[in-house]
Amino acid sequence: MERMEAAMRDGAGTVKRPDDFKWVSTPDLEWHRRWPIEDDMSLRTASLAALLPLSVLIGAAAPPPAAVALGKRLVTQGNAHGILPCAACHGSHLQGNRATGAARIAGVAPAETVSDLAHIAEMPSGNYVMRHIARSMTPTEAKAIAAYLATIKP
C-alpha cells in the first residue's frame, strides 16, 4: 500500500484518495483499487460507446463496385448453375413475400446474408429451392449478393 500511496502523493506530500474508489486487500495482501459496481458498468458502457464509431467505420467500408455489380446481376438474373432471380420468391422489391414465406432480403447487413446463406446450405430439410440455390453459390457469389442486397433500402 505504501507504494500505491507514494504514487498518489501530490506535490505537498498528502495522499489523494478518490472517494469513488474502495481500497481492498486481496489474498496475496497486495492493495488494489476496486470500482463500485455502478462505476464499473458505466466504464463498460463508455468503453463500448467509444468503440462503436470504430466498428461502424469498419462495417461501413464500401464493397468493391465489381462485387456489387456481380451481386446485382445474380440477384436480378440468376445464373446458369443454380442461382435463380431473387425476386421470384422474395418479391419485386425484395421486401419479402408472405405467400411463399420468403423473408425480406433488401437492406440486410452483408455478414448476416452470408451467414444465412451458409446456414440454409447446411440445413438437411426446409425450403428445397432456397437450399439448392445456397448450395450452388460460390463464396465469391454469396459475398457479392450480400454486398448488393445491403445497398438496397429496406
N, C-alpha and C. Protein backbone atom coordinates (compact mmCIF):
# COMPACT_ATOMS: atom_id res chain seq x y z
N MET A 1 0.83 -1.18 0.00
CA MET A 1 0.00 0.00 0.00
C MET A 1 0.87 1.24 0.00
N GLU A 2 2.01 1.16 0.62
CA GLU A 2 2.89 2.32 0.66
C GLU A 2 3.31 2.73 -0.74
N ARG A 3 3.58 1.74 -1.59
CA ARG A 3 3.97 2.06 -2.97
C ARG A 3 2.84 2.79 -3.69
N MET A 4 1.61 2.31 -3.49
CA MET A 4 0.49 2.95 -4.17
C MET A 4 0.25 4.35 -3.62
N GLU A 5 0.36 4.50 -2.30
CA GLU A 5 0.17 5.82 -1.72
C GLU A 5 1.26 6.77 -2.18
N ALA A 6 2.48 6.28 -2.29
CA ALA A 6 3.57 7.12 -2.75
C ALA A 6 3.30 7.60 -4.17
N ALA A 7 2.71 6.72 -4.98
CA ALA A 7 2.40 7.09 -6.37
C ALA A 7 1.28 8.11 -6.44
N MET A 8 0.46 8.17 -5.38
CA MET A 8 -0.69 9.07 -5.41
C MET A 8 -0.44 10.37 -4.64
N ARG A 9 0.73 10.58 -4.13
CA ARG A 9 1.01 11.80 -3.38
C ARG A 9 1.05 13.00 -4.31
N ASP A 10 0.49 14.06 -3.87
CA ASP A 10 0.59 15.29 -4.65
C ASP A 10 1.87 16.01 -4.26
N GLY A 11 2.09 17.17 -4.78
CA GLY A 11 3.32 17.91 -4.52
C GLY A 11 3.53 18.25 -3.06
N ALA A 12 2.47 18.38 -2.26
CA ALA A 12 2.58 18.74 -0.85
C ALA A 12 2.81 17.52 0.03
N GLY A 13 2.82 16.30 -0.56
CA GLY A 13 3.09 15.10 0.21
C GLY A 13 1.88 14.46 0.83
N THR A 14 0.68 14.97 0.53
CA THR A 14 -0.53 14.34 1.05
C THR A 14 -1.02 13.29 0.07
N VAL A 15 -1.64 12.27 0.62
CA VAL A 15 -2.14 11.18 -0.22
C VAL A 15 -3.53 11.54 -0.72
N LYS A 16 -3.71 11.42 -2.03
CA LYS A 16 -5.02 11.68 -2.65
C LYS A 16 -5.73 10.34 -2.81
N ARG A 17 -6.90 10.23 -2.25
CA ARG A 17 -7.72 9.02 -2.42
C ARG A 17 -9.08 9.45 -2.92
N PRO A 18 -9.38 9.14 -4.16
CA PRO A 18 -10.71 9.49 -4.67
C PRO A 18 -11.79 8.80 -3.86
N ASP A 19 -12.86 9.51 -3.57
CA ASP A 19 -13.95 8.95 -2.77
C ASP A 19 -14.71 7.85 -3.50
N ASP A 20 -14.62 7.83 -4.84
CA ASP A 20 -15.40 6.84 -5.58
C ASP A 20 -14.70 5.49 -5.71
N PHE A 21 -13.54 5.33 -5.10
CA PHE A 21 -12.83 4.06 -5.14
C PHE A 21 -12.82 3.44 -3.76
N LYS A 22 -12.83 2.12 -3.72
CA LYS A 22 -12.70 1.41 -2.46
C LYS A 22 -11.34 0.71 -2.49
N TRP A 23 -10.64 0.75 -1.39
CA TRP A 23 -9.35 0.06 -1.29
C TRP A 23 -9.61 -1.27 -0.64
N VAL A 24 -9.20 -2.34 -1.28
CA VAL A 24 -9.44 -3.67 -0.74
C VAL A 24 -8.14 -4.45 -0.75
N SER A 25 -8.05 -5.40 0.15
CA SER A 25 -6.88 -6.26 0.21
C SER A 25 -7.24 -7.59 -0.43
N THR A 26 -6.38 -8.09 -1.29
CA THR A 26 -6.59 -9.39 -1.92
C THR A 26 -5.84 -10.44 -1.12
N PRO A 27 -6.05 -11.73 -1.39
CA PRO A 27 -5.39 -12.78 -0.60
C PRO A 27 -3.87 -12.67 -0.56
N ASP A 28 -3.25 -12.11 -1.58
CA ASP A 28 -1.79 -12.00 -1.56
C ASP A 28 -1.32 -10.74 -0.84
N LEU A 29 -2.26 -10.07 -0.16
CA LEU A 29 -2.01 -8.89 0.65
C LEU A 29 -1.54 -7.68 -0.15
N GLU A 30 -1.67 -7.70 -1.42
CA GLU A 30 -1.41 -6.50 -2.22
C GLU A 30 -2.67 -5.66 -2.20
N TRP A 31 -2.53 -4.37 -2.25
CA TRP A 31 -3.68 -3.48 -2.22
C TRP A 31 -4.03 -3.06 -3.63
N HIS A 32 -5.32 -3.08 -3.92
CA HIS A 32 -5.79 -2.72 -5.26
C HIS A 32 -6.98 -1.79 -5.13
N ARG A 33 -7.17 -1.03 -6.15
CA ARG A 33 -8.36 -0.19 -6.23
C ARG A 33 -9.49 -1.01 -6.82
N ARG A 34 -10.64 -0.93 -6.25
CA ARG A 34 -11.81 -1.60 -6.81
C ARG A 34 -12.89 -0.56 -7.05
N TRP A 35 -13.46 -0.61 -8.24
CA TRP A 35 -14.51 0.33 -8.60
C TRP A 35 -15.84 -0.17 -8.09
N PRO A 36 -16.69 0.72 -7.62
CA PRO A 36 -18.05 0.29 -7.28
C PRO A 36 -18.75 -0.25 -8.52
N ILE A 37 -19.72 -1.14 -8.33
CA ILE A 37 -20.39 -1.79 -9.46
C ILE A 37 -20.99 -0.78 -10.43
N GLU A 38 -21.61 0.27 -9.91
CA GLU A 38 -22.24 1.25 -10.80
C GLU A 38 -21.19 1.90 -11.71
N ASP A 39 -20.04 2.22 -11.13
CA ASP A 39 -18.99 2.85 -11.93
C ASP A 39 -18.39 1.86 -12.91
N ASP A 40 -18.31 0.58 -12.49
CA ASP A 40 -17.79 -0.44 -13.39
C ASP A 40 -18.68 -0.57 -14.61
N MET A 41 -20.01 -0.55 -14.40
CA MET A 41 -20.94 -0.65 -15.52
C MET A 41 -20.84 0.60 -16.39
N SER A 42 -20.69 1.75 -15.77
CA SER A 42 -20.55 2.99 -16.53
C SER A 42 -19.29 2.95 -17.38
N LEU A 43 -18.22 2.40 -16.81
CA LEU A 43 -16.97 2.30 -17.55
C LEU A 43 -17.13 1.37 -18.74
N ARG A 44 -17.79 0.24 -18.52
CA ARG A 44 -18.01 -0.69 -19.64
C ARG A 44 -18.85 -0.05 -20.73
N THR A 45 -19.90 0.64 -20.32
CA THR A 45 -20.77 1.31 -21.29
C THR A 45 -19.99 2.37 -22.05
N ALA A 46 -19.19 3.16 -21.35
CA ALA A 46 -18.39 4.19 -22.00
C ALA A 46 -17.37 3.57 -22.94
N SER A 47 -16.77 2.46 -22.53
CA SER A 47 -15.79 1.79 -23.39
C SER A 47 -16.43 1.28 -24.66
N LEU A 48 -17.62 0.67 -24.53
CA LEU A 48 -18.32 0.19 -25.72
C LEU A 48 -18.75 1.34 -26.62
N ALA A 49 -19.18 2.43 -26.00
CA ALA A 49 -19.58 3.60 -26.79
C ALA A 49 -18.40 4.19 -27.54
N ALA A 50 -17.22 4.15 -26.92
CA ALA A 50 -16.03 4.66 -27.59
C ALA A 50 -15.64 3.79 -28.77
N LEU A 51 -15.89 2.49 -28.66
CA LEU A 51 -15.56 1.57 -29.75
C LEU A 51 -16.60 1.56 -30.86
N LEU A 52 -17.80 1.99 -30.56
CA LEU A 52 -18.87 1.95 -31.55
C LEU A 52 -18.53 2.69 -32.84
N PRO A 53 -18.04 3.94 -32.78
CA PRO A 53 -17.73 4.60 -34.05
C PRO A 53 -16.70 3.83 -34.88
N LEU A 54 -15.73 3.19 -34.21
CA LEU A 54 -14.75 2.40 -34.93
C LEU A 54 -15.42 1.22 -35.61
N SER A 55 -16.31 0.53 -34.91
CA SER A 55 -16.98 -0.63 -35.51
C SER A 55 -17.90 -0.19 -36.64
N VAL A 56 -18.51 0.97 -36.50
CA VAL A 56 -19.37 1.47 -37.58
C VAL A 56 -18.53 1.78 -38.80
N LEU A 57 -17.37 2.38 -38.58
CA LEU A 57 -16.49 2.70 -39.71
C LEU A 57 -15.98 1.43 -40.38
N ILE A 58 -15.62 0.43 -39.60
CA ILE A 58 -15.13 -0.82 -40.17
C ILE A 58 -16.24 -1.50 -40.96
N GLY A 59 -17.44 -1.55 -40.38
CA GLY A 59 -18.56 -2.19 -41.05
C GLY A 59 -19.09 -1.40 -42.23
N ALA A 60 -18.82 -0.09 -42.24
CA ALA A 60 -19.37 0.77 -43.28
C ALA A 60 -18.46 0.87 -44.50
N ALA A 61 -17.37 0.14 -44.51
CA ALA A 61 -16.47 0.18 -45.66
C ALA A 61 -17.24 -0.27 -46.89
N ALA A 62 -17.18 0.52 -47.93
CA ALA A 62 -17.93 0.22 -49.16
C ALA A 62 -17.35 -1.01 -49.84
N PRO A 63 -18.21 -1.91 -50.28
CA PRO A 63 -17.72 -3.08 -51.00
C PRO A 63 -17.21 -2.66 -52.37
N PRO A 64 -16.35 -3.45 -52.95
CA PRO A 64 -15.83 -3.12 -54.29
C PRO A 64 -16.98 -3.02 -55.29
N PRO A 65 -16.95 -2.03 -56.18
CA PRO A 65 -18.03 -1.87 -57.17
C PRO A 65 -18.23 -3.12 -58.03
N ALA A 66 -17.14 -3.83 -58.33
CA ALA A 66 -17.28 -5.05 -59.14
C ALA A 66 -18.10 -6.11 -58.40
N ALA A 67 -17.93 -6.20 -57.09
CA ALA A 67 -18.71 -7.17 -56.30
C ALA A 67 -20.18 -6.79 -56.29
N VAL A 68 -20.47 -5.50 -56.13
CA VAL A 68 -21.86 -5.05 -56.12
C VAL A 68 -22.50 -5.31 -57.49
N ALA A 69 -21.75 -5.06 -58.56
CA ALA A 69 -22.27 -5.29 -59.92
C ALA A 69 -22.56 -6.77 -60.15
N LEU A 70 -21.65 -7.65 -59.72
CA LEU A 70 -21.87 -9.09 -59.85
C LEU A 70 -23.09 -9.49 -59.02
N GLY A 71 -23.18 -8.97 -57.80
CA GLY A 71 -24.32 -9.27 -56.94
C GLY A 71 -25.63 -8.84 -57.57
N LYS A 72 -25.65 -7.64 -58.15
CA LYS A 72 -26.87 -7.15 -58.79
C LYS A 72 -27.28 -8.07 -59.95
N ARG A 73 -26.31 -8.49 -60.75
CA ARG A 73 -26.62 -9.38 -61.88
C ARG A 73 -27.17 -10.71 -61.37
N LEU A 74 -26.56 -11.27 -60.33
CA LEU A 74 -27.02 -12.55 -59.80
C LEU A 74 -28.40 -12.43 -59.17
N VAL A 75 -28.64 -11.33 -58.45
CA VAL A 75 -29.94 -11.14 -57.79
C VAL A 75 -31.05 -10.94 -58.81
N THR A 76 -30.78 -10.17 -59.86
CA THR A 76 -31.84 -9.85 -60.83
C THR A 76 -31.99 -10.90 -61.93
N GLN A 77 -30.89 -11.58 -62.30
CA GLN A 77 -30.96 -12.50 -63.44
C GLN A 77 -30.67 -13.95 -63.09
N GLY A 78 -29.99 -14.18 -61.96
CA GLY A 78 -29.57 -15.54 -61.64
C GLY A 78 -28.37 -15.94 -62.49
N ASN A 79 -28.10 -17.24 -62.58
CA ASN A 79 -27.03 -17.72 -63.45
C ASN A 79 -27.36 -19.13 -63.93
N ALA A 80 -26.48 -19.70 -64.72
CA ALA A 80 -26.74 -20.99 -65.34
C ALA A 80 -26.48 -22.18 -64.42
N HIS A 81 -25.85 -21.98 -63.27
CA HIS A 81 -25.56 -23.13 -62.42
C HIS A 81 -26.35 -23.17 -61.11
N GLY A 82 -27.57 -22.65 -61.11
CA GLY A 82 -28.47 -22.89 -59.98
C GLY A 82 -28.99 -21.68 -59.23
N ILE A 83 -28.45 -20.48 -59.47
CA ILE A 83 -28.95 -19.31 -58.77
C ILE A 83 -30.11 -18.73 -59.57
N LEU A 84 -31.29 -18.67 -58.94
CA LEU A 84 -32.48 -18.11 -59.58
C LEU A 84 -32.60 -16.63 -59.22
N PRO A 85 -33.31 -15.84 -60.04
CA PRO A 85 -33.54 -14.44 -59.67
C PRO A 85 -34.28 -14.36 -58.33
N CYS A 86 -33.76 -13.56 -57.41
CA CYS A 86 -34.32 -13.50 -56.05
C CYS A 86 -35.76 -13.00 -56.01
N ALA A 87 -36.12 -12.11 -56.96
CA ALA A 87 -37.46 -11.53 -56.96
C ALA A 87 -38.54 -12.59 -57.17
N ALA A 88 -38.20 -13.72 -57.76
CA ALA A 88 -39.19 -14.77 -57.99
C ALA A 88 -39.86 -15.20 -56.69
N CYS A 89 -39.13 -15.24 -55.61
CA CYS A 89 -39.71 -15.63 -54.32
C CYS A 89 -39.78 -14.48 -53.32
N HIS A 90 -38.80 -13.60 -53.34
CA HIS A 90 -38.70 -12.56 -52.32
C HIS A 90 -39.44 -11.27 -52.68
N GLY A 91 -40.10 -11.26 -53.82
CA GLY A 91 -40.88 -10.09 -54.23
C GLY A 91 -40.07 -9.14 -55.10
N SER A 92 -40.78 -8.32 -55.89
CA SER A 92 -40.11 -7.46 -56.87
C SER A 92 -39.15 -6.46 -56.24
N HIS A 93 -39.41 -6.04 -55.01
CA HIS A 93 -38.51 -5.10 -54.33
C HIS A 93 -37.71 -5.78 -53.23
N LEU A 94 -37.75 -7.10 -53.22
CA LEU A 94 -37.02 -7.94 -52.27
C LEU A 94 -37.39 -7.64 -50.82
N GLN A 95 -38.65 -7.25 -50.62
CA GLN A 95 -39.15 -6.91 -49.29
C GLN A 95 -39.78 -8.10 -48.59
N GLY A 96 -39.72 -9.27 -49.21
CA GLY A 96 -40.31 -10.47 -48.62
C GLY A 96 -41.65 -10.77 -49.27
N ASN A 97 -42.11 -11.99 -49.09
CA ASN A 97 -43.36 -12.44 -49.68
C ASN A 97 -44.01 -13.42 -48.71
N ARG A 98 -45.09 -12.98 -48.08
CA ARG A 98 -45.77 -13.84 -47.10
C ARG A 98 -46.32 -15.10 -47.74
N ALA A 99 -46.78 -14.99 -48.96
CA ALA A 99 -47.39 -16.15 -49.63
C ALA A 99 -46.39 -17.30 -49.78
N THR A 100 -45.15 -16.97 -50.05
CA THR A 100 -44.14 -18.01 -50.23
C THR A 100 -43.31 -18.24 -48.97
N GLY A 101 -43.49 -17.38 -47.97
CA GLY A 101 -42.71 -17.50 -46.73
C GLY A 101 -41.29 -16.97 -46.88
N ALA A 102 -41.05 -16.20 -47.95
CA ALA A 102 -39.71 -15.67 -48.20
C ALA A 102 -39.51 -14.38 -47.40
N ALA A 103 -38.37 -14.28 -46.76
CA ALA A 103 -38.05 -13.13 -45.91
C ALA A 103 -37.62 -11.92 -46.73
N ARG A 104 -37.67 -10.75 -46.08
CA ARG A 104 -37.12 -9.53 -46.70
C ARG A 104 -35.61 -9.70 -46.74
N ILE A 105 -35.03 -9.45 -47.90
CA ILE A 105 -33.57 -9.55 -48.02
C ILE A 105 -32.94 -8.21 -48.40
N ALA A 106 -33.76 -7.24 -48.73
CA ALA A 106 -33.24 -5.91 -49.07
C ALA A 106 -32.75 -5.21 -47.81
N GLY A 107 -31.55 -4.64 -47.88
CA GLY A 107 -31.02 -3.87 -46.77
C GLY A 107 -30.42 -4.66 -45.64
N VAL A 108 -30.29 -5.96 -45.77
CA VAL A 108 -29.72 -6.79 -44.72
C VAL A 108 -28.19 -6.64 -44.76
N ALA A 109 -27.58 -6.62 -43.59
CA ALA A 109 -26.11 -6.49 -43.49
C ALA A 109 -25.44 -7.64 -44.22
N PRO A 110 -24.34 -7.37 -44.93
CA PRO A 110 -23.66 -8.42 -45.69
C PRO A 110 -23.28 -9.64 -44.86
N ALA A 111 -22.74 -9.43 -43.68
CA ALA A 111 -22.32 -10.57 -42.85
C ALA A 111 -23.51 -11.45 -42.49
N GLU A 112 -24.65 -10.83 -42.24
CA GLU A 112 -25.85 -11.60 -41.90
C GLU A 112 -26.33 -12.41 -43.10
N THR A 113 -26.29 -11.80 -44.29
CA THR A 113 -26.73 -12.51 -45.50
C THR A 113 -25.83 -13.70 -45.78
N VAL A 114 -24.50 -13.51 -45.70
CA VAL A 114 -23.56 -14.60 -45.95
C VAL A 114 -23.78 -15.72 -44.93
N SER A 115 -23.96 -15.35 -43.67
CA SER A 115 -24.20 -16.34 -42.62
C SER A 115 -25.50 -17.10 -42.86
N ASP A 116 -26.55 -16.37 -43.24
CA ASP A 116 -27.85 -17.01 -43.51
C ASP A 116 -27.74 -17.98 -44.68
N LEU A 117 -27.05 -17.58 -45.73
CA LEU A 117 -26.90 -18.45 -46.90
C LEU A 117 -26.13 -19.72 -46.52
N ALA A 118 -25.08 -19.58 -45.72
CA ALA A 118 -24.31 -20.76 -45.29
C ALA A 118 -25.18 -21.68 -44.44
N HIS A 119 -26.00 -21.09 -43.56
CA HIS A 119 -26.89 -21.89 -42.71
C HIS A 119 -27.92 -22.63 -43.56
N ILE A 120 -28.51 -21.94 -44.53
CA ILE A 120 -29.52 -22.57 -45.40
C ILE A 120 -28.89 -23.71 -46.19
N ALA A 121 -27.67 -23.51 -46.69
CA ALA A 121 -26.99 -24.56 -47.47
C ALA A 121 -26.73 -25.81 -46.63
N GLU A 122 -26.52 -25.65 -45.33
CA GLU A 122 -26.20 -26.78 -44.46
C GLU A 122 -27.44 -27.49 -43.91
N MET A 123 -28.61 -26.88 -44.04
CA MET A 123 -29.83 -27.46 -43.46
C MET A 123 -30.18 -28.76 -44.17
N PRO A 124 -30.51 -29.80 -43.39
CA PRO A 124 -30.91 -31.06 -44.01
C PRO A 124 -32.33 -31.04 -44.55
N SER A 125 -33.13 -30.11 -44.06
CA SER A 125 -34.52 -30.02 -44.53
C SER A 125 -34.90 -28.56 -44.62
N GLY A 126 -36.14 -28.31 -45.03
CA GLY A 126 -36.58 -26.94 -45.17
C GLY A 126 -36.93 -26.64 -46.62
N ASN A 127 -36.76 -25.41 -47.02
CA ASN A 127 -37.10 -24.98 -48.37
C ASN A 127 -36.08 -25.55 -49.36
N TYR A 128 -36.54 -26.51 -50.14
CA TYR A 128 -35.64 -27.19 -51.08
C TYR A 128 -35.05 -26.22 -52.10
N VAL A 129 -35.86 -25.32 -52.63
CA VAL A 129 -35.39 -24.41 -53.68
C VAL A 129 -34.29 -23.51 -53.13
N MET A 130 -34.52 -22.91 -51.97
CA MET A 130 -33.52 -22.00 -51.40
C MET A 130 -32.27 -22.76 -51.00
N ARG A 131 -32.43 -23.97 -50.48
CA ARG A 131 -31.27 -24.79 -50.12
C ARG A 131 -30.44 -25.10 -51.35
N HIS A 132 -31.10 -25.44 -52.47
CA HIS A 132 -30.39 -25.71 -53.71
C HIS A 132 -29.64 -24.47 -54.20
N ILE A 133 -30.30 -23.32 -54.13
CA ILE A 133 -29.67 -22.06 -54.56
C ILE A 133 -28.45 -21.78 -53.69
N ALA A 134 -28.60 -21.88 -52.37
CA ALA A 134 -27.49 -21.58 -51.46
C ALA A 134 -26.33 -22.54 -51.66
N ARG A 135 -26.63 -23.81 -51.93
CA ARG A 135 -25.57 -24.79 -52.14
C ARG A 135 -24.84 -24.58 -53.47
N SER A 136 -25.51 -23.99 -54.44
CA SER A 136 -24.89 -23.80 -55.75
C SER A 136 -24.00 -22.56 -55.80
N MET A 137 -24.07 -21.69 -54.79
CA MET A 137 -23.28 -20.45 -54.79
C MET A 137 -21.83 -20.71 -54.38
N THR A 138 -20.94 -20.01 -55.04
CA THR A 138 -19.55 -20.00 -54.58
C THR A 138 -19.46 -18.96 -53.46
N PRO A 139 -18.43 -19.00 -52.63
CA PRO A 139 -18.27 -17.97 -51.60
C PRO A 139 -18.20 -16.56 -52.19
N THR A 140 -17.58 -16.41 -53.34
CA THR A 140 -17.49 -15.09 -54.00
C THR A 140 -18.87 -14.61 -54.41
N GLU A 141 -19.69 -15.52 -54.96
CA GLU A 141 -21.05 -15.13 -55.35
C GLU A 141 -21.90 -14.76 -54.14
N ALA A 142 -21.77 -15.52 -53.06
CA ALA A 142 -22.54 -15.22 -51.85
C ALA A 142 -22.17 -13.84 -51.30
N LYS A 143 -20.87 -13.53 -51.29
CA LYS A 143 -20.42 -12.22 -50.81
C LYS A 143 -20.88 -11.10 -51.73
N ALA A 144 -20.87 -11.36 -53.04
CA ALA A 144 -21.32 -10.34 -54.00
C ALA A 144 -22.82 -10.08 -53.84
N ILE A 145 -23.60 -11.13 -53.69
CA ILE A 145 -25.04 -10.97 -53.49
C ILE A 145 -25.29 -10.20 -52.20
N ALA A 146 -24.58 -10.55 -51.15
CA ALA A 146 -24.73 -9.87 -49.86
C ALA A 146 -24.37 -8.39 -49.98
N ALA A 147 -23.31 -8.10 -50.72
CA ALA A 147 -22.89 -6.70 -50.90
C ALA A 147 -23.96 -5.90 -51.64
N TYR A 148 -24.55 -6.50 -52.66
CA TYR A 148 -25.60 -5.80 -53.41
C TYR A 148 -26.86 -5.62 -52.56
N LEU A 149 -27.30 -6.67 -51.87
CA LEU A 149 -28.52 -6.57 -51.08
C LEU A 149 -28.40 -5.51 -49.99
N ALA A 150 -27.21 -5.31 -49.46
CA ALA A 150 -27.01 -4.30 -48.42
C ALA A 150 -27.18 -2.88 -48.96
N THR A 151 -27.04 -2.71 -50.27
CA THR A 151 -27.16 -1.36 -50.85
C THR A 151 -28.62 -0.98 -51.11
N ILE A 152 -29.53 -1.93 -51.03
CA ILE A 152 -30.95 -1.68 -51.31
C ILE A 152 -31.62 -1.19 -50.03
N LYS A 153 -32.38 -0.12 -50.13
CA LYS A 153 -33.10 0.38 -48.97
C LYS A 153 -34.24 -0.56 -48.64
N PRO A 154 -34.37 -0.92 -47.35
CA PRO A 154 -35.46 -1.83 -46.97
C PRO A 154 -36.82 -1.16 -47.04
